[in-house]
Amino acid sequence: MIITIVGGGSTFTPGIVKSIALREKELEVTEVRLFDIDGERQSKVAVVVDYILKELKSNIKLTATTDKETAYKDAK
């Protein structure tokens, strides 16, 4: 499953992604997409999210985008 977080530049995003990653197998998540209209802010949050996923040894793919089509394609 692909999950898109709208407002991916929010300071709440790392905690949300951590919660998802801790239940990765149960939720069957393969990818988390961060979508925000503020690309600069989102890129800073994406660094933190990437670190969290690596620390948890998660197999979840991380995508950060400002493009709506990329963000929503095949997402649940």
Foldseek 3Di string as FASTA:
>chain_A
DEAEDEVLLDPCNLVVLLVCQVCCVVVVAAEYEYEYLPQVSNVVSVVSNVVSCVVSVGNYHYHYDPDPCVRPVVHD
